[in-house]
Amino acid sequence: MKSIQFEFSKYKSVNSLWSELIEHYGFERAQKIVSQAIDLQKMNGNKNVTIPIIFSGTGGLALIPIQSLKEETLKSNTKDNQVLIFNLKKKSFQILNEAKNT
């Protein structure tokens, strides 16, 4: 597995990337991308160690260490079904909490 390091202090936390993902891919496809990211975490990730990341420009998925986020941006506890949406061009990211259907 290839390891990629991000310096999150160079990126801005925003609340617009989810809506941009919907605009670019449509609601159903954006929802499916988030679901696939959650599945990736369940299959290959480690709870409280990794978080799935979605690259908004390509819809690509990866897992990154939560520690890299906690050191730079997160002061609260991470939760199940969280996904990081990341936009390299805009140097921004958004933490998304997937709603569970009950």
N, C-alpha and C. Protein backbone atom coordinates (compact mmCIF):
# COMPACT_ATOMS: atom_id res chain seq x y z
N MET A 1 0.85 -1.18 0.00
CA MET A 1 0.00 0.00 0.00
C MET A 1 0.88 1.24 0.00
N LYS A 2 0.61 2.17 -0.87
CA LYS A 2 1.38 3.40 -0.97
C LYS A 2 0.91 4.38 0.10
N SER A 3 1.86 5.03 0.74
CA SER A 3 1.53 6.00 1.79
C SER A 3 1.71 7.41 1.25
N ILE A 4 0.67 8.22 1.39
CA ILE A 4 0.70 9.61 0.95
C ILE A 4 0.52 10.50 2.17
N GLN A 5 1.36 11.50 2.30
CA GLN A 5 1.28 12.41 3.44
C GLN A 5 0.66 13.74 3.00
N PHE A 6 -0.29 14.23 3.78
CA PHE A 6 -0.89 15.53 3.55
C PHE A 6 -0.57 16.41 4.74
N GLU A 7 -0.24 17.65 4.49
CA GLU A 7 -0.08 18.62 5.56
C GLU A 7 -1.38 19.42 5.62
N PHE A 8 -2.29 18.98 6.49
CA PHE A 8 -3.62 19.58 6.52
C PHE A 8 -3.61 21.03 6.99
N SER A 9 -2.53 21.48 7.59
CA SER A 9 -2.45 22.88 8.00
C SER A 9 -2.44 23.80 6.77
N LYS A 10 -2.11 23.25 5.61
CA LYS A 10 -2.09 24.03 4.37
C LYS A 10 -3.43 24.04 3.66
N TYR A 11 -4.41 23.31 4.21
CA TYR A 11 -5.72 23.18 3.58
C TYR A 11 -6.79 23.77 4.48
N LYS A 12 -7.85 24.27 3.86
CA LYS A 12 -8.92 24.95 4.58
C LYS A 12 -10.12 24.02 4.77
N SER A 13 -10.67 24.01 5.96
CA SER A 13 -11.89 23.26 6.24
C SER A 13 -13.09 24.07 5.74
N VAL A 14 -13.92 23.44 4.90
CA VAL A 14 -15.08 24.12 4.32
C VAL A 14 -16.31 23.24 4.48
N ASN A 15 -17.48 23.79 4.16
CA ASN A 15 -18.73 23.04 4.22
C ASN A 15 -19.40 22.92 2.85
N SER A 16 -18.65 23.15 1.79
CA SER A 16 -19.26 23.18 0.45
C SER A 16 -18.91 22.00 -0.44
N LEU A 17 -17.99 21.14 -0.02
CA LEU A 17 -17.55 20.09 -0.93
C LEU A 17 -18.60 19.01 -1.17
N TRP A 18 -19.44 18.73 -0.18
CA TRP A 18 -20.51 17.74 -0.39
C TRP A 18 -21.46 18.24 -1.47
N SER A 19 -21.87 19.50 -1.40
CA SER A 19 -22.78 20.02 -2.42
C SER A 19 -22.10 20.08 -3.79
N GLU A 20 -20.81 20.35 -3.83
CA GLU A 20 -20.08 20.34 -5.11
C GLU A 20 -19.99 18.92 -5.67
N LEU A 21 -19.84 17.94 -4.80
CA LEU A 21 -19.81 16.54 -5.24
C LEU A 21 -21.15 16.17 -5.86
N ILE A 22 -22.24 16.62 -5.24
CA ILE A 22 -23.59 16.37 -5.77
C ILE A 22 -23.77 17.06 -7.13
N GLU A 23 -23.32 18.31 -7.23
CA GLU A 23 -23.42 19.05 -8.50
C GLU A 23 -22.67 18.34 -9.62
N HIS A 24 -21.49 17.85 -9.30
CA HIS A 24 -20.63 17.24 -10.31
C HIS A 24 -21.10 15.85 -10.73
N TYR A 25 -21.53 15.02 -9.76
CA TYR A 25 -21.87 13.63 -10.04
C TYR A 25 -23.37 13.32 -9.98
N GLY A 26 -24.17 14.22 -9.44
CA GLY A 26 -25.58 13.94 -9.21
C GLY A 26 -25.74 13.32 -7.83
N PHE A 27 -26.93 13.45 -7.24
CA PHE A 27 -27.13 13.02 -5.86
C PHE A 27 -26.91 11.52 -5.67
N GLU A 28 -27.50 10.71 -6.55
CA GLU A 28 -27.40 9.26 -6.38
C GLU A 28 -25.96 8.78 -6.50
N ARG A 29 -25.23 9.28 -7.48
CA ARG A 29 -23.83 8.87 -7.68
C ARG A 29 -22.96 9.37 -6.51
N ALA A 30 -23.18 10.60 -6.05
CA ALA A 30 -22.42 11.13 -4.91
C ALA A 30 -22.67 10.29 -3.67
N GLN A 31 -23.92 9.91 -3.47
CA GLN A 31 -24.28 9.06 -2.33
C GLN A 31 -23.60 7.69 -2.45
N LYS A 32 -23.53 7.16 -3.66
CA LYS A 32 -22.88 5.87 -3.89
C LYS A 32 -21.37 5.97 -3.62
N ILE A 33 -20.75 7.06 -4.01
CA ILE A 33 -19.32 7.27 -3.75
C ILE A 33 -19.05 7.27 -2.25
N VAL A 34 -19.89 7.96 -1.49
CA VAL A 34 -19.74 7.99 -0.03
C VAL A 34 -19.93 6.59 0.54
N SER A 35 -20.92 5.87 0.06
CA SER A 35 -21.17 4.51 0.51
C SER A 35 -19.98 3.60 0.22
N GLN A 36 -19.38 3.75 -0.96
CA GLN A 36 -18.21 2.97 -1.32
C GLN A 36 -17.02 3.31 -0.42
N ALA A 37 -16.89 4.57 -0.04
CA ALA A 37 -15.82 4.99 0.87
C ALA A 37 -16.01 4.34 2.24
N ILE A 38 -17.25 4.30 2.72
CA ILE A 38 -17.55 3.65 4.00
C ILE A 38 -17.25 2.15 3.91
N ASP A 39 -17.61 1.54 2.79
CA ASP A 39 -17.32 0.12 2.59
C ASP A 39 -15.82 -0.14 2.56
N LEU A 40 -15.06 0.74 1.92
CA LEU A 40 -13.60 0.61 1.89
C LEU A 40 -13.04 0.63 3.31
N GLN A 41 -13.55 1.52 4.14
CA GLN A 41 -13.12 1.61 5.53
C GLN A 41 -13.44 0.30 6.27
N LYS A 42 -14.65 -0.22 6.05
CA LYS A 42 -15.06 -1.45 6.74
C LYS A 42 -14.23 -2.65 6.30
N MET A 43 -13.87 -2.71 5.01
CA MET A 43 -13.13 -3.86 4.49
C MET A 43 -11.63 -3.78 4.74
N ASN A 44 -11.05 -2.60 4.60
CA ASN A 44 -9.59 -2.48 4.63
C ASN A 44 -9.05 -1.53 5.70
N GLY A 45 -9.94 -0.78 6.34
CA GLY A 45 -9.48 0.19 7.31
C GLY A 45 -9.44 -0.36 8.72
N ASN A 46 -8.99 0.45 9.62
CA ASN A 46 -8.97 0.12 11.03
C ASN A 46 -9.70 1.21 11.79
N LYS A 47 -10.72 0.81 12.57
CA LYS A 47 -11.49 1.76 13.34
C LYS A 47 -10.56 2.56 14.25
N ASN A 48 -10.75 3.85 14.33
CA ASN A 48 -9.96 4.77 15.12
C ASN A 48 -8.52 4.90 14.65
N VAL A 49 -8.21 4.34 13.45
CA VAL A 49 -6.86 4.47 12.90
C VAL A 49 -6.89 5.12 11.52
N THR A 50 -7.89 4.73 10.69
CA THR A 50 -7.98 5.28 9.34
C THR A 50 -9.34 5.93 9.11
N ILE A 51 -9.37 6.80 8.11
CA ILE A 51 -10.62 7.43 7.67
C ILE A 51 -10.60 7.42 6.14
N PRO A 52 -11.75 7.13 5.51
CA PRO A 52 -11.78 7.15 4.05
C PRO A 52 -11.77 8.59 3.52
N ILE A 53 -11.12 8.75 2.39
CA ILE A 53 -11.04 10.06 1.76
C ILE A 53 -11.56 9.94 0.33
N ILE A 54 -12.35 10.93 -0.07
CA ILE A 54 -12.87 11.02 -1.44
C ILE A 54 -12.19 12.22 -2.09
N PHE A 55 -11.58 12.01 -3.23
CA PHE A 55 -10.99 13.10 -3.99
C PHE A 55 -12.08 13.66 -4.90
N SER A 56 -12.53 14.88 -4.61
CA SER A 56 -13.73 15.41 -5.26
C SER A 56 -13.58 15.58 -6.77
N GLY A 57 -12.40 15.83 -7.27
CA GLY A 57 -12.22 16.02 -8.70
C GLY A 57 -12.39 14.76 -9.51
N THR A 58 -12.03 13.61 -8.91
CA THR A 58 -12.06 12.35 -9.65
C THR A 58 -13.04 11.34 -9.10
N GLY A 59 -13.48 11.54 -7.86
CA GLY A 59 -14.33 10.55 -7.20
C GLY A 59 -13.52 9.37 -6.70
N GLY A 60 -12.19 9.49 -6.75
CA GLY A 60 -11.31 8.43 -6.27
C GLY A 60 -11.38 8.29 -4.76
N LEU A 61 -11.04 7.10 -4.28
CA LEU A 61 -11.13 6.79 -2.85
C LEU A 61 -9.78 6.31 -2.34
N ALA A 62 -9.54 6.57 -1.05
CA ALA A 62 -8.34 6.06 -0.38
C ALA A 62 -8.62 6.06 1.12
N LEU A 63 -7.71 5.49 1.87
CA LEU A 63 -7.75 5.55 3.33
C LEU A 63 -6.53 6.32 3.81
N ILE A 64 -6.74 7.18 4.79
CA ILE A 64 -5.62 7.92 5.37
C ILE A 64 -5.63 7.73 6.89
N PRO A 65 -4.49 7.89 7.53
CA PRO A 65 -4.46 7.77 8.99
C PRO A 65 -5.21 8.93 9.65
N ILE A 66 -6.05 8.61 10.61
CA ILE A 66 -6.78 9.64 11.35
C ILE A 66 -5.81 10.55 12.06
N GLN A 67 -4.69 10.01 12.51
CA GLN A 67 -3.71 10.79 13.26
C GLN A 67 -3.27 12.03 12.50
N SER A 68 -3.16 11.94 11.17
CA SER A 68 -2.75 13.10 10.39
C SER A 68 -3.79 14.21 10.47
N LEU A 69 -5.07 13.85 10.64
CA LEU A 69 -6.12 14.85 10.80
C LEU A 69 -6.14 15.40 12.22
N LYS A 70 -6.04 14.53 13.19
CA LYS A 70 -6.13 14.96 14.58
C LYS A 70 -5.05 15.96 14.92
N GLU A 71 -3.85 15.74 14.42
CA GLU A 71 -2.75 16.64 14.72
C GLU A 71 -3.00 18.03 14.17
N GLU A 72 -3.65 18.10 13.02
CA GLU A 72 -3.79 19.39 12.35
C GLU A 72 -5.15 20.06 12.51
N THR A 73 -6.21 19.28 12.45
CA THR A 73 -7.52 19.94 12.32
C THR A 73 -8.60 19.46 13.27
N LEU A 74 -8.59 18.20 13.63
CA LEU A 74 -9.70 17.68 14.43
C LEU A 74 -9.39 17.74 15.91
N LYS A 75 -10.27 18.33 16.65
CA LYS A 75 -10.14 18.37 18.10
C LYS A 75 -11.17 17.47 18.76
N SER A 76 -12.17 17.02 17.99
CA SER A 76 -13.22 16.15 18.53
C SER A 76 -12.94 14.70 18.16
N ASN A 77 -13.66 13.81 18.76
CA ASN A 77 -13.51 12.39 18.47
C ASN A 77 -14.06 12.08 17.09
N THR A 78 -13.39 11.18 16.40
CA THR A 78 -13.91 10.73 15.12
C THR A 78 -15.04 9.75 15.38
N LYS A 79 -15.96 9.68 14.43
CA LYS A 79 -17.15 8.84 14.58
C LYS A 79 -17.19 7.82 13.45
N ASP A 80 -17.99 6.78 13.66
CA ASP A 80 -18.20 5.81 12.58
C ASP A 80 -18.87 6.51 11.41
N ASN A 81 -18.64 6.00 10.23
CA ASN A 81 -19.25 6.51 9.00
C ASN A 81 -18.88 7.95 8.68
N GLN A 82 -17.68 8.37 9.08
CA GLN A 82 -17.17 9.67 8.66
C GLN A 82 -16.33 9.48 7.41
N VAL A 83 -16.42 10.46 6.54
CA VAL A 83 -15.66 10.47 5.29
C VAL A 83 -15.05 11.85 5.13
N LEU A 84 -13.85 11.89 4.62
CA LEU A 84 -13.19 13.16 4.33
C LEU A 84 -13.30 13.41 2.83
N ILE A 85 -13.89 14.52 2.45
CA ILE A 85 -13.94 14.92 1.04
C ILE A 85 -12.81 15.92 0.85
N PHE A 86 -12.01 15.71 -0.17
CA PHE A 86 -10.79 16.49 -0.34
C PHE A 86 -10.73 17.07 -1.74
N ASN A 87 -10.39 18.36 -1.86
CA ASN A 87 -10.25 19.01 -3.15
C ASN A 87 -8.84 19.59 -3.23
N LEU A 88 -8.00 18.96 -4.02
CA LEU A 88 -6.61 19.40 -4.15
C LEU A 88 -6.49 20.78 -4.79
N LYS A 89 -7.27 21.04 -5.84
CA LYS A 89 -7.18 22.32 -6.54
C LYS A 89 -7.56 23.49 -5.65
N LYS A 90 -8.62 23.33 -4.87
CA LYS A 90 -9.09 24.41 -3.99
C LYS A 90 -8.40 24.39 -2.63
N LYS A 91 -7.54 23.40 -2.42
CA LYS A 91 -6.83 23.23 -1.15
C LYS A 91 -7.80 23.29 0.02
N SER A 92 -8.85 22.45 -0.09
CA SER A 92 -9.89 22.44 0.93
C SER A 92 -10.35 21.01 1.20
N PHE A 93 -10.99 20.84 2.36
CA PHE A 93 -11.53 19.54 2.74
C PHE A 93 -12.77 19.73 3.58
N GLN A 94 -13.57 18.67 3.66
CA GLN A 94 -14.78 18.67 4.48
C GLN A 94 -14.93 17.30 5.11
N ILE A 95 -15.25 17.28 6.40
CA ILE A 95 -15.56 16.03 7.08
C ILE A 95 -17.07 15.83 6.94
N LEU A 96 -17.45 14.69 6.40
CA LEU A 96 -18.86 14.38 6.18
C LEU A 96 -19.24 13.20 7.05
N ASN A 97 -20.34 13.34 7.78
CA ASN A 97 -20.90 12.26 8.57
C ASN A 97 -22.05 11.65 7.81
N GLU A 98 -21.90 10.38 7.39
CA GLU A 98 -22.96 9.72 6.62
C GLU A 98 -24.15 9.45 7.52
N ALA A 99 -25.32 9.80 7.06
CA ALA A 99 -26.54 9.53 7.82
C ALA A 99 -26.88 8.05 7.65
N LYS A 100 -27.22 7.44 8.75
CA LYS A 100 -27.63 6.03 8.72
C LYS A 100 -29.13 5.94 8.52
N ASN A 101 -29.54 5.02 7.67
CA ASN A 101 -30.98 4.76 7.49
C ASN A 101 -31.41 3.77 8.56
N THR A 102 -32.41 4.14 9.34
CA THR A 102 -32.89 3.23 10.40
C THR A 102 -34.25 2.71 10.08
